[in-house]
Protein backbone atom coordinates (compact mmCIF):
# COMPACT_ATOMS: atom_id res chain seq x y z
CA MET A 1 58.11 48.94 83.32
CA THR A 2 55.35 46.32 82.40
CA SER A 3 51.76 48.25 80.77
CA ILE A 4 48.16 47.52 82.51
CA THR A 5 47.67 46.41 79.44
CA GLU A 6 50.11 43.59 79.83
CA LEU A 7 49.06 43.21 83.71
CA ALA A 8 45.07 42.43 82.81
CA THR A 9 46.50 39.96 79.66
CA ALA A 10 48.33 38.05 82.20
CA ALA A 11 45.57 38.26 84.29
CA SER A 12 43.64 36.71 81.79
CA ALA A 13 45.68 34.08 80.88
CA LEU A 14 45.69 33.42 84.76
CA VAL A 15 42.14 32.61 85.02
CA SER A 16 41.49 31.12 82.05
CA PRO A 17 43.94 30.26 79.65
CA ASP A 18 41.74 28.54 76.86
CA THR A 19 40.39 30.89 74.41
CA THR A 20 38.46 28.93 72.93
CA LEU A 21 36.01 28.30 76.24
CA GLY A 22 33.29 25.66 75.53
CA ALA A 23 34.73 24.26 72.24
CA GLY A 24 34.47 20.48 72.00
CA SER A 25 31.04 20.41 73.62
CA ASN A 26 27.40 20.37 71.78
CA VAL A 27 25.61 22.43 74.68
CA ALA A 28 25.24 26.09 73.08
CA ARG A 29 26.70 28.31 75.29
CA GLY A 30 24.61 30.74 77.03
CA ALA A 31 24.24 34.70 76.99
CA LEU A 32 25.87 37.14 78.97
CA ILE A 33 23.52 39.89 79.29
CA VAL A 34 24.27 43.05 81.60
CA LEU A 35 22.14 45.93 82.76
CA GLU A 36 24.10 49.00 83.25
CA GLY A 37 22.16 52.58 84.94
CA LEU A 38 22.55 55.64 87.28
CA ASP A 39 21.92 54.91 90.84
CA ARG A 40 18.40 54.25 91.18
CA SER A 41 17.21 54.01 87.96
CA GLY A 42 15.76 50.59 88.57
CA LYS A 43 18.23 47.83 87.25
CA THR A 44 18.24 45.55 90.27
CA THR A 45 14.70 45.63 89.74
CA GLN A 46 14.48 45.18 86.16
CA VAL A 47 17.35 42.20 86.15
CA LYS A 48 15.25 39.98 89.13
CA LEU A 49 12.31 40.52 86.83
CA LEU A 50 14.26 39.02 83.53
CA GLU A 51 15.53 36.22 85.97
CA GLN A 52 11.73 35.51 86.85
CA ARG A 53 11.28 35.60 82.82
CA PHE A 54 14.21 33.39 81.99
CA VAL A 55 13.32 30.33 84.80
CA GLU A 56 9.38 30.79 83.49
CA PHE A 57 10.67 29.75 79.69
CA GLY A 58 12.72 26.61 81.63
CA LYS A 59 15.85 28.73 80.80
CA LYS A 60 19.13 27.84 83.08
CA VAL A 61 20.04 31.39 84.72
CA ARG A 62 22.20 33.38 87.22
CA LEU A 63 21.94 36.24 88.61
CA MET A 64 25.51 38.46 89.75
CA ARG A 65 25.96 41.49 90.84
CA PHE A 66 28.77 43.75 90.76
CA PRO A 67 30.37 45.06 92.99
CA ASP A 68 30.03 41.69 95.09
CA ARG A 69 30.08 42.77 98.27
CA THR A 70 30.95 39.21 99.88
CA THR A 71 34.16 38.63 99.05
CA PRO A 72 36.70 40.43 101.01
CA ILE A 73 37.31 42.95 98.02
CA GLY A 74 34.13 43.40 97.79
CA GLN A 75 34.01 44.10 101.52
CA MET A 76 36.85 46.65 101.20
CA ILE A 77 34.64 48.47 98.05
CA ASP A 78 31.79 48.34 100.24
CA GLY A 79 33.80 50.43 102.50
CA TYR A 80 34.16 52.82 99.94
CA LEU A 81 30.96 53.31 98.77
CA LYS A 82 29.50 53.96 102.05
CA GLY A 83 31.91 56.66 102.77
CA GLN A 84 34.07 54.82 105.55
CA VAL A 85 37.53 55.05 104.02
CA ALA A 86 39.09 57.29 101.28
CA MET A 87 41.09 55.71 98.41
CA ASP A 88 42.76 56.93 95.75
CA ASP A 89 40.87 57.13 92.60
CA HIS A 90 43.05 54.35 90.87
CA VAL A 91 43.39 52.23 93.58
CA ILE A 92 39.40 51.60 93.88
CA HIS A 93 39.05 51.17 90.20
CA LEU A 94 41.67 48.43 90.18
CA LEU A 95 39.90 46.75 93.41
CA PHE A 96 36.35 47.00 91.21
CA SER A 97 37.99 45.60 88.20
CA ALA A 98 39.83 42.90 90.78
CA ASN A 99 36.22 42.07 92.14
CA ARG A 100 35.11 41.53 88.27
CA TRP A 101 38.24 39.07 87.86
CA GLU A 102 37.18 37.24 90.81
CA ALA A 103 33.82 36.02 89.21
CA ALA A 104 35.25 35.61 85.38
CA ALA A 105 36.63 31.96 85.64
CA THR A 106 32.96 31.42 87.50
CA ILE A 107 31.17 33.66 84.60
CA ASN A 108 32.89 31.75 81.82
CA SER A 109 32.37 28.27 83.31
CA LEU A 110 28.39 28.87 83.52
CA LEU A 111 28.36 30.73 79.89
CA SER A 112 29.81 27.19 78.57
CA ALA A 113 27.25 25.13 80.27
CA GLY A 114 24.63 26.81 78.85
CA VAL A 115 23.83 29.04 81.27
CA THR A 116 23.01 32.27 80.70
CA VAL A 117 24.19 34.69 83.23
CA LEU A 118 22.57 38.12 84.14
CA CYS A 119 24.49 40.78 85.47
CA ASP A 120 23.44 43.77 87.69
CA ARG A 121 26.18 46.17 86.94
CA TYR A 122 29.57 44.69 84.92
CA TYR A 123 33.21 46.48 83.60
CA TYR A 124 31.08 49.10 81.62
CA SER A 125 29.43 50.75 85.26
CA GLY A 126 33.62 50.64 86.30
CA VAL A 127 35.00 51.81 83.30
CA VAL A 128 32.55 54.87 82.95
CA TYR A 129 32.45 55.50 86.97
CA SER A 130 35.98 55.88 87.02
CA ALA A 131 36.08 58.17 84.19
CA ALA A 132 33.37 60.48 84.99
CA LYS A 133 35.77 61.82 87.87
CA GLN A 134 37.80 63.46 85.63
CA ASN A 135 40.70 62.89 87.19
CA PRO A 136 43.04 63.97 84.52
CA SER A 137 45.01 60.20 84.80
CA LEU A 138 42.23 58.00 84.76
CA THR A 139 40.56 58.35 81.42
CA LEU A 140 38.09 55.47 79.65
CA SER A 141 40.96 53.82 78.06
CA TRP A 142 43.13 53.59 81.37
CA ALA A 143 40.23 52.06 82.86
CA ARG A 144 39.08 49.60 80.51
CA ALA A 145 42.73 48.26 79.43
CA THR A 146 42.04 46.38 83.22
CA GLU A 147 39.00 44.68 81.88
CA ILE A 148 40.57 43.78 78.65
CA GLY A 149 40.30 39.90 78.53
CA LEU A 150 37.24 39.52 80.96
CA PRO A 151 33.96 37.65 79.31
CA ARG A 152 32.57 39.51 76.79
CA PRO A 153 28.96 40.76 77.40
CA ASP A 154 26.49 39.16 74.57
CA LEU A 155 24.02 42.44 75.10
CA VAL A 156 24.40 45.62 77.30
CA LEU A 157 20.98 47.44 78.18
CA PHE A 158 21.77 50.77 79.99
CA MET A 159 18.69 51.80 81.96
CA ASP A 160 18.65 55.81 80.77
CA LEU A 161 16.70 57.77 83.33
CA ASP A 162 17.42 61.79 83.86
CA GLU A 163 19.13 62.55 87.08
CA THR A 164 17.13 64.43 88.82
CA GLN A 165 14.07 61.90 88.15
CA ALA A 166 16.72 59.29 89.77
CA LYS A 167 17.93 61.66 92.44
CA ALA A 168 13.94 61.96 93.26
CA ARG A 169 13.32 58.42 93.93
CA GLY A 170 13.84 56.47 97.73
CA GLY A 171 17.36 56.51 98.77
CA TRP A 172 19.31 58.72 97.10
CA GLY A 173 22.15 59.79 98.42
CA GLY A 174 23.61 56.56 100.56
CA GLU A 175 26.74 56.12 98.62
CA VAL A 176 29.55 58.15 97.50
CA TYR A 177 28.94 57.70 93.66
CA GLU A 178 25.08 59.37 94.28
CA ARG A 179 25.57 63.08 93.82
CA HIS A 180 23.74 64.92 90.93
CA GLU A 181 26.94 66.32 88.79
CA MET A 182 28.69 62.52 89.09
CA GLN A 183 25.60 60.67 87.84
CA ARG A 184 25.04 63.62 85.03
CA ARG A 185 28.74 62.43 83.84
CA VAL A 186 27.66 59.04 84.17
CA ARG A 187 24.93 59.36 81.63
CA GLU A 188 26.66 61.46 79.04
CA LEU A 189 29.74 58.56 78.94
CA PHE A 190 26.90 55.91 78.50
CA TRP A 191 25.35 57.67 75.63
CA GLY A 192 28.81 58.29 74.20
CA LEU A 193 29.71 55.08 74.62
CA SER A 194 26.26 53.83 72.70
CA MET A 195 26.32 56.33 70.07
CA GLY A 196 30.00 55.84 69.09
CA LYS A 197 30.98 59.09 69.90
CA ILE A 198 33.02 59.52 72.99
CA GLY A 199 35.73 61.68 73.47
CA THR A 200 38.57 59.26 74.12
CA THR A 201 39.06 58.89 70.36
CA VAL A 202 39.36 62.50 69.93
CA VAL A 203 42.52 64.39 70.56
CA ALA A 204 41.75 67.74 72.15
CA PRO A 205 43.40 70.97 70.44
CA GLN A 206 45.75 72.32 72.61
CA GLY A 207 43.84 74.67 75.98
CA GLN A 208 40.83 73.07 74.98
CA ALA A 209 38.60 72.80 77.86
CA GLY A 210 38.24 68.98 78.93
CA SER A 211 41.45 67.81 77.69
CA ALA A 212 43.03 67.57 81.25
CA GLY A 213 46.20 67.52 79.69
CA SER A 214 46.06 64.10 78.83
CA GLY A 215 45.15 65.40 75.00
CA GLU A 216 41.57 63.20 75.77
CA VAL A 217 38.18 65.00 75.71
CA ALA A 218 36.13 63.77 78.02
CA ILE A 219 32.91 63.17 75.47
CA GLY A 220 31.95 64.80 72.07
CA PRO A 221 31.97 63.47 68.21
CA PRO A 222 35.22 62.77 66.28
CA THR A 223 36.33 65.46 63.79
CA PRO A 224 38.64 64.50 60.97
CA ASP A 225 40.96 67.03 61.83
CA ASN A 226 42.03 65.66 65.04
CA LEU A 227 41.12 61.53 64.75
CA THR A 228 44.12 59.01 66.21
CA GLY A 229 44.71 55.45 65.75
CA VAL A 230 42.45 54.77 68.49
CA GLU A 231 39.01 55.29 67.45
CA GLN A 232 38.57 51.57 67.67
CA ARG A 233 38.99 51.49 71.26
CA PHE A 234 35.31 51.20 72.18
CA ARG A 235 33.86 49.75 68.72
CA GLN A 236 32.92 46.58 71.28
CA GLU A 237 30.63 49.00 73.83
CA GLU A 238 29.31 50.78 70.91
CA GLU A 239 27.99 47.52 69.14
CA ASP A 240 27.16 45.58 72.37
CA LEU A 241 25.35 48.58 74.32
CA HIS A 242 21.14 49.42 74.00
CA VAL A 243 19.49 52.35 75.72
CA ILE A 244 16.52 51.74 77.54
CA ASP A 245 13.89 54.05 78.76
CA ALA A 246 13.80 53.42 82.23
CA SER A 247 10.91 56.23 83.03
CA PRO A 248 8.10 54.51 82.33
CA THR A 249 6.34 51.89 84.66
CA VAL A 250 8.24 48.81 86.23
CA GLU A 251 5.92 46.79 83.63
CA GLU A 252 6.36 48.73 80.70
CA VAL A 253 10.52 48.94 80.84
CA ALA A 254 10.35 44.96 81.85
CA GLU A 255 8.14 44.14 78.72
CA GLU A 256 11.04 46.77 76.80
CA ILE A 257 14.15 44.79 78.02
CA TRP A 258 12.34 41.79 77.27
CA LYS A 259 11.46 42.66 73.26
CA VAL A 260 15.15 43.57 72.99
CA VAL A 261 17.00 40.23 74.89
CA ARG A 262 14.89 37.57 73.80
CA PRO A 263 16.01 37.96 70.02
CA ARG A 264 19.86 38.48 71.37
CA VAL A 265 19.44 35.22 73.61
CA GLU A 266 17.97 33.32 70.61
CA SER A 267 20.80 34.93 68.49
CA VAL A 268 23.54 33.34 71.09
CA GLU A 269 21.69 29.75 71.10
CA ARG A 270 21.79 29.70 67.51
CA GLY A 271 25.94 30.82 67.56
CA GLU A 272 25.67 34.00 65.37
CA LEU A 273 27.29 35.67 68.37
CA GLY A 274 30.36 32.82 68.26
CA ALA A 275 29.93 29.10 69.69
CA VAL A 276 32.30 30.23 72.21
CA VAL A 277 32.51 32.61 74.96
CA ARG A 278 33.86 35.95 73.51
CA ARG A 279 36.19 38.43 75.46
CA VAL A 280 36.90 42.28 76.03
CA SER A 281 40.10 43.20 73.36
């Protein structure tokens, strides 16, 4: 039987068979910057302000949002998020992933042409929100496998906000994931990724809470007696993820974001993160 990793790799080859995107061009590639966060954390406002900042500096920039609800797949996702249709956890995860793959070729082309791409959510949300459902057969490792081959972000900013604060903001509760416990688990998983302490690198002793029969703990630091050979699995996420305190004013948060984004974009322009578009691996 073909594994989910093999399917993802095959999809990558179909979408963009050239592994050296941008090679042969003198144009410095664009940066892929992603804003993630809990629902109502202010990321949509901040990504728009960030786009405006790039325009003011005369930079070529494109804003994208996931899920893209304008495509047929995106419309199915929209129905699920609004509670209009029920779907198996694996099915909706694969739809979210397919929605990103729909845009992969466009993202690659833009980056290779020197355009910076700003994403309001990306595969981090897809992986974390699916794993936060605590479905025993839908671990972070399983969820991430469908993303292998996608353009890799140069920087991911997690807009960190206590779930209670997020709930107090307007519009809370309109979609299926806007539930206190769900948002708490999402926040814990993002923090785990940022610190390199995500639990899918840890094999739980028999009977340990959270093992869910899969041998994987939801979150927690690895200990010497239970490490496996997969501790490198989320190293890219740890390297790319930066936590931003989303609780101050909009203006203060925007300034903190720019302090992190500007030097990273300059590093990309100098070729320090690779002259070609990187991929999730």
